[in-house]
Protein backbone atom coordinates (compact mmCIF):
# COMPACT_ATOMS: atom_id res chain seq x y z
CA MET A 1 21.10 -49.18 70.22
CA LYS A 2 19.44 -52.54 70.94
CA VAL A 3 15.95 -52.42 72.42
CA LEU A 4 13.85 -55.26 73.78
CA ILE A 5 10.13 -54.48 73.91
CA LEU A 6 8.26 -56.67 76.41
CA THR A 7 4.55 -56.94 75.80
CA VAL A 8 1.50 -59.17 76.24
CA PRO A 9 -1.32 -59.85 73.78
CA THR A 10 -4.17 -58.71 76.05
CA GLY A 11 -6.74 -56.71 74.16
CA GLY A 12 -4.54 -56.14 71.10
CA GLY A 13 -3.53 -52.60 72.01
CA HIS A 14 -0.35 -53.70 73.73
CA MET A 15 0.91 -55.53 70.65
CA SER A 16 -0.02 -52.64 68.34
CA THR A 17 1.88 -50.23 70.54
CA GLY A 18 4.86 -52.54 70.67
CA ARG A 19 4.91 -52.85 66.87
CA ALA A 20 4.68 -49.06 66.48
CA ILE A 21 7.63 -48.56 68.84
CA GLU A 22 9.60 -51.28 67.02
CA LYS A 23 8.93 -49.64 63.65
CA TYR A 24 9.83 -46.16 64.95
CA LEU A 25 13.14 -47.37 66.36
CA SER A 26 14.00 -49.51 63.34
CA GLU A 27 13.42 -46.59 60.97
CA ARG A 28 16.01 -44.66 62.99
CA GLY A 29 18.65 -47.37 62.72
CA HIS A 30 18.14 -49.10 66.06
CA GLN A 31 17.68 -52.83 66.56
CA ALA A 32 14.31 -53.45 68.18
CA ARG A 33 12.71 -56.76 69.04
CA ILE A 34 9.29 -57.55 70.51
CA LEU A 35 9.03 -60.33 73.06
CA ASP A 36 5.62 -61.74 74.00
CA VAL A 37 6.03 -62.41 77.71
CA TYR A 38 3.22 -64.99 77.69
CA LYS A 39 5.27 -67.33 75.52
CA TYR A 40 7.76 -67.62 78.36
CA ALA A 41 5.38 -67.38 81.31
CA GLY A 42 3.42 -70.53 80.50
CA LYS A 43 -0.14 -70.98 79.32
CA ILE A 44 -1.73 -71.24 82.78
CA TRP A 45 -0.10 -68.10 84.17
CA GLY A 46 -0.45 -66.13 80.96
CA GLY A 47 -4.07 -67.14 80.43
CA GLY A 48 -4.94 -66.23 84.03
CA VAL A 49 -3.38 -62.79 83.70
CA GLU A 50 -5.19 -62.17 80.42
CA LYS A 51 -8.57 -63.21 81.83
CA GLY A 52 -7.98 -61.05 84.90
CA TYR A 53 -7.00 -58.06 82.81
CA LEU A 54 -10.01 -58.36 80.51
CA ALA A 55 -12.36 -58.79 83.49
CA SER A 56 -10.86 -55.74 85.19
CA THR A 57 -11.47 -53.57 82.16
CA LYS A 58 -15.08 -54.73 81.99
CA PHE A 59 -16.06 -54.75 85.64
CA TYR A 60 -13.65 -52.56 87.59
CA ARG A 61 -13.34 -49.56 85.31
CA VAL A 62 -9.56 -49.82 85.12
CA PRO A 63 -9.30 -47.37 82.20
CA LYS A 64 -10.98 -44.65 84.29
CA ILE A 65 -8.81 -45.45 87.30
CA MET A 66 -5.63 -45.34 85.19
CA ASN A 67 -6.70 -42.06 83.63
CA ASP A 68 -7.32 -40.57 87.09
CA PHE A 69 -3.94 -41.86 88.29
CA LEU A 70 -2.11 -40.34 85.31
CA ARG A 71 -3.91 -37.02 85.74
CA ILE A 72 -3.01 -36.85 89.45
CA HIS A 73 0.60 -37.90 88.76
CA THR A 74 0.94 -35.25 86.03
CA ASN A 75 -0.39 -32.56 88.37
CA ILE A 76 2.00 -33.60 91.14
CA SER A 77 4.95 -33.65 88.70
CA ARG A 78 4.12 -30.15 87.46
CA GLN A 79 3.88 -28.80 91.00
CA SER A 80 7.32 -30.11 91.92
CA MET A 81 9.02 -28.34 89.00
């Protein structure tokens, strides 16, 4: 199987996760490749997204919001089973 992993270098965690997925798939005989979307999006667009993301994690408590969203989604999914 061929797998293309799209990621962005915001905060470092995205790239680490992409590399872990690439390694996992490669060890199982699949062809995996990581593509940094910023390289194709352009410096102005990519830089703006990165600054916005980093600001949102600092000022808007995005991690807490995402955690709440995932918790609610998981509860809804379990109820519909």
